[in-house]
């Protein structure tokens, strides 16, 4: 989350001729205010504008409809209609109350994930039976702040796995856990860590580092992995499958199976 203060900017003193619009910000997931002891947060299920125009108050703009031109450049009233009536905006807003000492931001982040990424269920009428064997992956023990971002086929004999640390450094520390269980459940033979898109082994990554104009650096520099990329085979010990996820980090792996 980004910290905002009413009628203030980080690098300059603003001319607040528009006290309302000058204090409105995009809210894509949550907005919160807190004092020394208490915290209140609103979690929304879609992008909206939000602000705190008065001490102790939070507001979200669910919809904006004007019957007259507001003289701010559009040249017409913001009056969208359908079937002869004004458009209706619907959505859900969740209120979360907490104590600052309990670090409620951690729990808000988990709730936020559940709102934006619910468990989807799909049903259809089968026209024929299928004998395709689908691997089953049961729950594996990781911290609550680790999110299984991607698990999908990657070619005929490989699967792409992405894991994400959903919290920032103010909400959580680094997390260490082992991938051996999910590796075995997927029938893995080998696993290697790659770049985010899975196109290049992380151990081979060497990206040119562009220097700002006027830099005195003459020797080319390259970005490389800041940690030792994971690479293991089925015969290796369980300890070799251990990884560390830092706050807000995403790590990508390709698992090769029979």
C-alpha atoms as a PDB file:
ATOM      1  CA  UNK A   1       0.000   0.000   0.000  1.00  0.00           C
ATOM      2  CA  UNK A   2       1.045   3.600  -0.600  1.00  0.00           C
ATOM      3  CA  UNK A   3       0.884   6.064   2.264  1.00  0.00           C
ATOM      4  CA  UNK A   4      -1.071   9.259   1.537  1.00  0.00           C
ATOM      5  CA  UNK A   5      -1.657  12.380   3.626  1.00  0.00           C
ATOM      6  CA  UNK A   6      -4.496  14.802   3.042  1.00  0.00           C
ATOM      7  CA  UNK A   7      -3.482  17.991   1.194  1.00  0.00           C
ATOM      8  CA  UNK A   8       0.144  16.838   0.956  1.00  0.00           C
ATOM      9  CA  UNK A   9       2.539  15.484  -1.660  1.00  0.00           C
ATOM     10  CA  UNK A  10       5.822  13.728  -1.066  1.00  0.00           C
ATOM     11  CA  UNK A  11       8.102  15.965  -3.140  1.00  0.00           C
ATOM     12  CA  UNK A  12       6.348  19.319  -3.484  1.00  0.00           C
ATOM     13  CA  UNK A  13       3.779  21.608  -1.892  1.00  0.00           C
ATOM     14  CA  UNK A  14       0.518  21.314  -3.866  1.00  0.00           C
ATOM     15  CA  UNK A  15      -1.897  24.082  -4.752  1.00  0.00           C
ATOM     16  CA  UNK A  16      -5.096  22.552  -3.375  1.00  0.00           C
ATOM     17  CA  UNK A  17      -7.677  24.542  -5.326  1.00  0.00           C
ATOM     18  CA  UNK A  18      -9.681  21.308  -5.687  1.00  0.00           C
ATOM     19  CA  UNK A  19      -9.784  19.893  -2.171  1.00  0.00           C
ATOM     20  CA  UNK A  20     -11.900  16.848  -3.085  1.00  0.00           C
ATOM     21  CA  UNK A  21     -10.431  15.683  -6.397  1.00  0.00           C
ATOM     22  CA  UNK A  22      -6.933  16.599  -5.193  1.00  0.00           C
ATOM     23  CA  UNK A  23      -7.268  14.070  -2.382  1.00  0.00           C
ATOM     24  CA  UNK A  24      -8.874  11.241  -4.343  1.00  0.00           C
ATOM     25  CA  UNK A  25      -6.770   8.217  -5.273  1.00  0.00           C
ATOM     26  CA  UNK A  26      -7.363   4.955  -7.161  1.00  0.00           C
ATOM     27  CA  UNK A  27      -8.219   2.074  -4.836  1.00  0.00           C
ATOM     28  CA  UNK A  28      -7.747  -1.294  -6.530  1.00  0.00           C
ATOM     29  CA  UNK A  29      -7.975  -3.546  -3.472  1.00  0.00           C
ATOM     30  CA  UNK A  30      -8.119  -1.732  -0.118  1.00  0.00           C
ATOM     31  CA  UNK A  31      -7.927   1.612   1.638  1.00  0.00           C
ATOM     32  CA  UNK A  32      -7.220   2.116   5.347  1.00  0.00           C
ATOM     33  CA  UNK A  33      -6.673   4.722   8.038  1.00  0.00           C
ATOM     34  CA  UNK A  34      -5.212   4.253  11.498  1.00  0.00           C
ATOM     35  CA  UNK A  35      -4.143   6.129  14.597  1.00  0.00           C
ATOM     36  CA  UNK A  36      -1.847   5.028  17.410  1.00  0.00           C
ATOM     37  CA  UNK A  37      -4.117   2.172  18.505  1.00  0.00           C
ATOM     38  CA  UNK A  38      -6.936   1.452  16.019  1.00  0.00           C
ATOM     39  CA  UNK A  39      -7.224   0.753  12.292  1.00  0.00           C
ATOM     40  CA  UNK A  40     -10.160   0.651   9.895  1.00  0.00           C
ATOM     41  CA  UNK A  41      -9.943  -0.705   6.349  1.00  0.00           C
ATOM     42  CA  UNK A  42     -12.286  -1.108   3.389  1.00  0.00           C
ATOM     43  CA  UNK A  43     -11.675  -3.933   0.903  1.00  0.00           C
ATOM     44  CA  UNK A  44     -13.363  -3.523  -2.483  1.00  0.00           C
ATOM     45  CA  UNK A  45     -13.951  -6.052  -5.236  1.00  0.00           C
ATOM     46  CA  UNK A  46     -13.238  -3.673  -8.136  1.00  0.00           C
ATOM     47  CA  UNK A  47     -11.235  -0.511  -8.824  1.00  0.00           C
ATOM     48  CA  UNK A  48     -12.811   2.639  -7.378  1.00  0.00           C
ATOM     49  CA  UNK A  49     -11.804   6.095  -6.231  1.00  0.00           C
ATOM     50  CA  UNK A  50     -11.261   6.597  -2.527  1.00  0.00           C
ATOM     51  CA  UNK A  51     -10.247   9.166   0.047  1.00  0.00           C
ATOM     52  CA  UNK A  52     -10.328  10.320   3.651  1.00  0.00           C
ATOM     53  CA  UNK A  53     -11.569  13.894   3.428  1.00  0.00           C
ATOM     54  CA  UNK A  54     -12.154  14.178   7.178  1.00  0.00           C
ATOM     55  CA  UNK A  55     -10.310  12.760  10.171  1.00  0.00           C
ATOM     56  CA  UNK A  56     -11.675   9.335  11.075  1.00  0.00           C
ATOM     57  CA  UNK A  57     -13.645   8.959   7.829  1.00  0.00           C
ATOM     58  CA  UNK A  58     -13.160   6.739   4.769  1.00  0.00           C
ATOM     59  CA  UNK A  59     -15.081   6.908   1.525  1.00  0.00           C
ATOM     60  CA  UNK A  60     -15.230   5.057  -1.783  1.00  0.00           C
ATOM     61  CA  UNK A  61     -16.831   6.393  -4.950  1.00  0.00           C
ATOM     62  CA  UNK A  62     -19.088   3.566  -6.075  1.00  0.00           C
ATOM     63  CA  UNK A  63     -20.469   5.433  -9.070  1.00  0.00           C
ATOM     64  CA  UNK A  64     -20.400   8.910 -10.595  1.00  0.00           C
ATOM     65  CA  UNK A  65     -23.414  10.323 -12.424  1.00  0.00           C
ATOM     66  CA  UNK A  66     -24.030  13.984 -13.209  1.00  0.00           C
ATOM     67  CA  UNK A  67     -27.080  15.512 -14.867  1.00  0.00           C
ATOM     68  CA  UNK A  68     -25.185  18.695 -15.794  1.00  0.00           C
ATOM     69  CA  UNK A  69     -21.777  19.419 -17.263  1.00  0.00           C
ATOM     70  CA  UNK A  70     -19.326  20.053 -14.409  1.00  0.00           C
ATOM     71  CA  UNK A  71     -17.196  22.438 -16.534  1.00  0.00           C
ATOM     72  CA  UNK A  72     -14.055  20.330 -16.140  1.00  0.00           C
ATOM     73  CA  UNK A  73     -13.400  19.776 -19.823  1.00  0.00           C
ATOM     74  CA  UNK A  74     -15.697  16.931 -20.867  1.00  0.00           C
ATOM     75  CA  UNK A  75     -18.228  19.270 -22.429  1.00  0.00           C
ATOM     76  CA  UNK A  76     -21.209  17.103 -21.514  1.00  0.00           C
ATOM     77  CA  UNK A  77     -22.929  15.633 -18.491  1.00  0.00           C
ATOM     78  CA  UNK A  78     -21.552  12.319 -17.225  1.00  0.00           C
ATOM     79  CA  UNK A  79     -24.946  10.688 -17.491  1.00  0.00           C
ATOM     80  CA  UNK A  80     -24.600   7.179 -18.892  1.00  0.00           C
ATOM     81  CA  UNK A  81     -27.895   5.432 -19.475  1.00  0.00           C
ATOM     82  CA  UNK A  82     -29.201   2.081 -20.675  1.00  0.00           C
ATOM     83  CA  UNK A  83     -32.809   1.180 -21.504  1.00  0.00           C
ATOM     84  CA  UNK A  84     -33.854   4.702 -20.583  1.00  0.00           C
ATOM     85  CA  UNK A  85     -32.395   4.594 -17.075  1.00  0.00           C
ATOM     86  CA  UNK A  86     -29.112   5.607 -15.495  1.00  0.00           C
ATOM     87  CA  UNK A  87     -26.483   2.893 -15.247  1.00  0.00           C
ATOM     88  CA  UNK A  88     -26.347   1.104 -11.905  1.00  0.00           C
ATOM     89  CA  UNK A  89     -23.007   0.194 -10.302  1.00  0.00           C
ATOM     90  CA  UNK A  90     -22.959  -2.820  -8.022  1.00  0.00           C
ATOM     91  CA  UNK A  91     -20.220  -4.339  -5.940  1.00  0.00           C
ATOM     92  CA  UNK A  92     -19.173  -5.517  -2.517  1.00  0.00           C
ATOM     93  CA  UNK A  93     -17.211  -3.629   0.119  1.00  0.00           C
ATOM     94  CA  UNK A  94     -15.822  -5.382   3.191  1.00  0.00           C
ATOM     95  CA  UNK A  95     -15.231  -3.523   6.453  1.00  0.00           C
ATOM     96  CA  UNK A  96     -12.274  -4.667   8.585  1.00  0.00           C
ATOM     97  CA  UNK A  97     -11.649  -3.317  12.084  1.00  0.00           C
ATOM     98  CA  UNK A  98      -8.478  -4.035  13.999  1.00  0.00           C
ATOM     99  CA  UNK A  99      -5.913  -2.966  16.551  1.00  0.00           C
ATOM    100  CA  UNK A 100      -2.601  -1.602  15.313  1.00  0.00           C
ATOM    101  CA  UNK A 101      -0.659  -3.783  17.769  1.00  0.00           C
ATOM    102  CA  UNK A 102      -2.088  -6.922  16.090  1.00  0.00           C
ATOM    103  CA  UNK A 103      -0.637  -5.948  12.671  1.00  0.00           C
ATOM    104  CA  UNK A 104      -4.051  -6.191  10.942  1.00  0.00           C
ATOM    105  CA  UNK A 105      -2.551  -5.413   7.539  1.00  0.00           C
ATOM    106  CA  UNK A 106      -1.425  -9.061   7.334  1.00  0.00           C
ATOM    107  CA  UNK A 107      -4.972 -10.342   7.702  1.00  0.00           C
ATOM    108  CA  UNK A 108      -6.338  -7.727   5.314  1.00  0.00           C
ATOM    109  CA  UNK A 109      -3.923  -8.988   2.673  1.00  0.00           C
ATOM    110  CA  UNK A 110      -5.189 -12.563   3.054  1.00  0.00           C
ATOM    111  CA  UNK A 111      -8.823 -11.421   2.873  1.00  0.00           C
ATOM    112  CA  UNK A 112      -7.944  -9.329  -0.163  1.00  0.00           C
ATOM    113  CA  UNK A 113      -6.617 -12.409  -1.968  1.00  0.00           C
ATOM    114  CA  UNK A 114      -9.778 -14.364  -1.176  1.00  0.00           C
ATOM    115  CA  UNK A 115     -11.962 -11.558  -2.533  1.00  0.00           C
ATOM    116  CA  UNK A 116     -10.070 -11.125  -5.798  1.00  0.00           C
ATOM    117  CA  UNK A 117      -9.133 -14.777  -6.338  1.00  0.00           C
ATOM    118  CA  UNK A 118     -12.065 -16.882  -5.105  1.00  0.00           C
ATOM    119  CA  UNK A 119     -12.255 -20.627  -5.648  1.00  0.00           C
ATOM    120  CA  UNK A 120     -14.083 -21.113  -8.950  1.00  0.00           C
ATOM    121  CA  UNK A 121     -16.128 -24.228  -9.698  1.00  0.00           C
ATOM    122  CA  UNK A 122     -17.052 -25.291 -13.235  1.00  0.00           C
ATOM    123  CA  UNK A 123     -19.616 -27.889 -14.282  1.00  0.00           C
ATOM    124  CA  UNK A 124     -20.603 -29.254 -17.681  1.00  0.00           C
ATOM    125  CA  UNK A 125     -22.512 -32.118 -19.238  1.00  0.00           C
ATOM    126  CA  UNK A 126     -20.055 -34.735 -20.487  1.00  0.00           C
ATOM    127  CA  UNK A 127     -20.690 -36.101 -23.974  1.00  0.00           C
ATOM    128  CA  UNK A 128     -18.261 -38.977 -23.535  1.00  0.00           C
ATOM    129  CA  UNK A 129     -16.044 -40.580 -20.933  1.00  0.00           C
ATOM    130  CA  UNK A 130     -12.377 -39.642 -20.685  1.00  0.00           C
ATOM    131  CA  UNK A 131      -9.535 -41.892 -19.616  1.00  0.00           C
ATOM    132  CA  UNK A 132      -6.963 -39.115 -19.312  1.00  0.00           C
ATOM    133  CA  UNK A 133      -5.147 -39.425 -16.012  1.00  0.00           C
ATOM    134  CA  UNK A 134      -4.982 -36.079 -14.242  1.00  0.00           C
ATOM    135  CA  UNK A 135      -2.385 -35.726 -11.461  1.00  0.00           C
ATOM    136  CA  UNK A 136      -3.805 -34.846  -8.082  1.00  0.00           C
ATOM    137  CA  UNK A 137      -2.111 -32.316  -5.849  1.00  0.00           C
ATOM    138  CA  UNK A 138      -3.260 -32.263  -2.246  1.00  0.00           C
ATOM    139  CA  UNK A 139      -2.621 -29.363   0.080  1.00  0.00           C
ATOM    140  CA  UNK A 140       1.027 -28.891   0.956  1.00  0.00           C
ATOM    141  CA  UNK A 141       2.213 -27.131   4.071  1.00  0.00           C
ATOM    142  CA  UNK A 142       3.317 -23.568   3.397  1.00  0.00           C
ATOM    143  CA  UNK A 143       2.823 -20.322   5.248  1.00  0.00           C
ATOM    144  CA  UNK A 144      -0.425 -18.424   4.786  1.00  0.00           C
ATOM    145  CA  UNK A 145       1.431 -15.673   2.961  1.00  0.00           C
ATOM    146  CA  UNK A 146       2.548 -18.007   0.138  1.00  0.00           C
ATOM    147  CA  UNK A 147       0.258 -18.117  -2.887  1.00  0.00           C
ATOM    148  CA  UNK A 148       0.259 -20.837  -5.554  1.00  0.00           C
ATOM    149  CA  UNK A 149       0.092 -18.432  -8.478  1.00  0.00           C
ATOM    150  CA  UNK A 150       0.414 -20.818 -11.446  1.00  0.00           C
ATOM    151  CA  UNK A 151       0.315 -24.572 -12.011  1.00  0.00           C
ATOM    152  CA  UNK A 152      -0.205 -25.429 -15.667  1.00  0.00           C
ATOM    153  CA  UNK A 153       1.126 -27.622 -18.506  1.00  0.00           C
ATOM    154  CA  UNK A 154       4.293 -26.353 -20.161  1.00  0.00           C
ATOM    155  CA  UNK A 155       4.832 -28.539 -23.189  1.00  0.00           C
ATOM    156  CA  UNK A 156       4.132 -32.270 -23.319  1.00  0.00           C
ATOM    157  CA  UNK A 157       6.330 -33.431 -20.439  1.00  0.00           C
ATOM    158  CA  UNK A 158       6.683 -30.362 -18.239  1.00  0.00           C
ATOM    159  CA  UNK A 159       4.614 -28.247 -15.870  1.00  0.00           C
ATOM    160  CA  UNK A 160       5.050 -24.602 -14.932  1.00  0.00           C
ATOM    161  CA  UNK A 161       4.886 -23.718 -11.235  1.00  0.00           C
ATOM    162  CA  UNK A 162       4.897 -20.183  -9.833  1.00  0.00           C
ATOM    163  CA  UNK A 163       4.873 -19.313  -6.142  1.00  0.00           C
ATOM    164  CA  UNK A 164       4.306 -15.818  -4.799  1.00  0.00           C
ATOM    165  CA  UNK A 165       4.900 -14.162  -1.434  1.00  0.00           C
ATOM    166  CA  UNK A 166       1.767 -11.993  -1.188  1.00  0.00           C
ATOM    167  CA  UNK A 167       2.892  -9.693   1.634  1.00  0.00           C
ATOM    168  CA  UNK A 168       5.320  -6.788   1.691  1.00  0.00           C
ATOM    169  CA  UNK A 169       8.274  -6.297   4.014  1.00  0.00           C
ATOM    170  CA  UNK A 170       6.201  -4.335   6.541  1.00  0.00           C
ATOM    171  CA  UNK A 171       3.761  -7.239   6.911  1.00  0.00           C
ATOM    172  CA  UNK A 172       5.951 -10.332   6.867  1.00  0.00           C
ATOM    173  CA  UNK A 173       9.489 -11.673   6.782  1.00  0.00           C
ATOM    174  CA  UNK A 174      10.970 -14.118   4.280  1.00  0.00           C
ATOM    175  CA  UNK A 175       9.469 -17.614   4.185  1.00  0.00           C
ATOM    176  CA  UNK A 176      11.388 -20.885   3.847  1.00  0.00           C
ATOM    177  CA  UNK A 177       9.671 -24.100   2.753  1.00  0.00           C
ATOM    178  CA  UNK A 178      10.279 -27.287   0.780  1.00  0.00           C
ATOM    179  CA  UNK A 179       8.969 -28.186  -2.687  1.00  0.00           C
ATOM    180  CA  UNK A 180       9.648 -31.918  -2.421  1.00  0.00           C
ATOM    181  CA  UNK A 181       6.057 -32.879  -1.627  1.00  0.00           C
ATOM    182  CA  UNK A 182       4.435 -31.102  -4.560  1.00  0.00           C
ATOM    183  CA  UNK A 183       7.298 -32.296  -6.798  1.00  0.00           C
ATOM    184  CA  UNK A 184       6.561 -35.923  -5.900  1.00  0.00           C
ATOM    185  CA  UNK A 185       2.783 -35.491  -6.245  1.00  0.00           C
ATOM    186  CA  UNK A 186       3.286 -34.227  -9.800  1.00  0.00           C
ATOM    187  CA  UNK A 187       5.447 -37.238 -10.630  1.00  0.00           C
ATOM    188  CA  UNK A 188       8.492 -35.052 -11.118  1.00  0.00           C
ATOM    189  CA  UNK A 189      11.831 -36.276 -12.425  1.00  0.00           C
ATOM    190  CA  UNK A 190      13.655 -32.939 -12.558  1.00  0.00           C
ATOM    191  CA  UNK A 191      12.987 -29.361 -11.467  1.00  0.00           C
ATOM    192  CA  UNK A 192      14.741 -26.175 -12.521  1.00  0.00           C
ATOM    193  CA  UNK A 193      14.171 -22.527 -11.699  1.00  0.00           C
ATOM    194  CA  UNK A 194      13.552 -20.132 -14.572  1.00  0.00           C
ATOM    195  CA  UNK A 195      12.840 -16.500 -15.310  1.00  0.00           C
ATOM    196  CA  UNK A 196       9.278 -15.305 -14.684  1.00  0.00           C
ATOM    197  CA  UNK A 197       8.010 -16.312 -18.145  1.00  0.00           C
ATOM    198  CA  UNK A 198       9.695 -19.728 -18.019  1.00  0.00           C
ATOM    199  CA  UNK A 199      11.696 -19.114 -21.200  1.00  0.00           C
ATOM    200  CA  UNK A 200      15.198 -19.181 -19.694  1.00  0.00           C
ATOM    201  CA  UNK A 201      16.893 -21.055 -16.878  1.00  0.00           C
ATOM    202  CA  UNK A 202      17.605 -18.586 -14.097  1.00  0.00           C
ATOM    203  CA  UNK A 203      21.199 -19.800 -13.847  1.00  0.00           C
ATOM    204  CA  UNK A 204      21.736 -18.656 -17.459  1.00  0.00           C
ATOM    205  CA  UNK A 205      20.147 -15.220 -17.058  1.00  0.00           C
ATOM    206  CA  UNK A 206      22.525 -12.358 -17.866  1.00  0.00           C
ATOM    207  CA  UNK A 207      20.672  -9.181 -18.812  1.00  0.00           C
ATOM    208  CA  UNK A 208      22.469  -6.045 -19.858  1.00  0.00           C
ATOM    209  CA  UNK A 209      22.285  -3.210 -17.341  1.00  0.00           C
ATOM    210  CA  UNK A 210      21.738   0.167 -18.977  1.00  0.00           C
ATOM    211  CA  UNK A 211      23.557   3.080 -17.348  1.00  0.00           C
ATOM    212  CA  UNK A 212      22.174   6.628 -16.982  1.00  0.00           C
ATOM    213  CA  UNK A 213      23.541   9.355 -19.220  1.00  0.00           C
ATOM    214  CA  UNK A 214      26.790  10.738 -17.870  1.00  0.00           C
ATOM    215  CA  UNK A 215      27.724   7.542 -16.052  1.00  0.00           C
ATOM    216  CA  UNK A 216      31.472   6.966 -15.728  1.00  0.00           C
ATOM    217  CA  UNK A 217      31.108   3.187 -15.821  1.00  0.00           C
ATOM    218  CA  UNK A 218      32.916   1.879 -18.900  1.00  0.00           C
ATOM    219  CA  UNK A 219      32.765  -1.869 -18.361  1.00  0.00           C
ATOM    220  CA  UNK A 220      29.415  -3.512 -19.241  1.00  0.00           C
ATOM    221  CA  UNK A 221      27.372  -4.736 -16.273  1.00  0.00           C
ATOM    222  CA  UNK A 222      24.731  -7.463 -16.248  1.00  0.00           C
ATOM    223  CA  UNK A 223      21.809  -8.433 -14.040  1.00  0.00           C
ATOM    224  CA  UNK A 224      22.104 -11.942 -12.626  1.00  0.00           C
ATOM    225  CA  UNK A 225      20.103 -13.906 -10.078  1.00  0.00           C
ATOM    226  CA  UNK A 226      20.521 -12.617  -6.524  1.00  0.00           C
ATOM    227  CA  UNK A 227      20.164 -16.163  -5.139  1.00  0.00           C
ATOM    228  CA  UNK A 228      21.306 -19.633  -6.155  1.00  0.00           C
ATOM    229  CA  UNK A 229      18.656 -20.958  -8.585  1.00  0.00           C
ATOM    230  CA  UNK A 230      16.999 -24.239  -7.642  1.00  0.00           C
ATOM    231  CA  UNK A 231      17.990 -27.246  -9.723  1.00  0.00           C
ATOM    232  CA  UNK A 232      17.324 -30.784  -8.509  1.00  0.00           C
ATOM    233  CA  UNK A 233      16.477 -34.321  -9.589  1.00  0.00           C
ATOM    234  CA  UNK A 234      14.270 -37.006  -8.115  1.00  0.00           C
ATOM    235  CA  UNK A 235      17.238 -38.879  -6.646  1.00  0.00           C
ATOM    236  CA  UNK A 236      18.485 -35.799  -4.739  1.00  0.00           C
ATOM    237  CA  UNK A 237      17.902 -35.337  -1.018  1.00  0.00           C
ATOM    238  CA  UNK A 238      14.847 -33.456   0.247  1.00  0.00           C
ATOM    239  CA  UNK A 239      16.999 -30.607   1.552  1.00  0.00           C
ATOM    240  CA  UNK A 240      17.930 -29.656  -2.013  1.00  0.00           C
ATOM    241  CA  UNK A 241      14.282 -28.734  -2.705  1.00  0.00           C
ATOM    242  CA  UNK A 242      14.189 -26.046  -0.005  1.00  0.00           C
ATOM    243  CA  UNK A 243      13.566 -22.470  -1.195  1.00  0.00           C
ATOM    244  CA  UNK A 244      13.233 -18.994   0.322  1.00  0.00           C
ATOM    245  CA  UNK A 245      10.568 -16.492  -0.752  1.00  0.00           C
ATOM    246  CA  UNK A 246      11.152 -12.849   0.111  1.00  0.00           C
ATOM    247  CA  UNK A 247       8.240 -10.403   0.570  1.00  0.00           C
ATOM    248  CA  UNK A 248       6.480  -9.656  -2.761  1.00  0.00           C
ATOM    249  CA  UNK A 249       8.763 -12.079  -4.613  1.00  0.00           C
ATOM    250  CA  UNK A 250       7.613 -14.486  -7.343  1.00  0.00           C
ATOM    251  CA  UNK A 251       9.705 -17.551  -8.193  1.00  0.00           C
ATOM    252  CA  UNK A 252       9.074 -19.721 -11.249  1.00  0.00           C
ATOM    253  CA  UNK A 253       9.924 -23.405 -11.727  1.00  0.00           C
ATOM    254  CA  UNK A 254       9.544 -25.998 -14.469  1.00  0.00           C
ATOM    255  CA  UNK A 255       8.947 -29.574 -13.363  1.00  0.00           C
ATOM    256  CA  UNK A 256       9.780 -32.329 -15.834  1.00  0.00           C
ATOM    257  CA  UNK A 257       7.826 -35.557 -15.460  1.00  0.00           C
ATOM    258  CA  UNK A 258       7.754 -38.970 -17.127  1.00  0.00           C
END
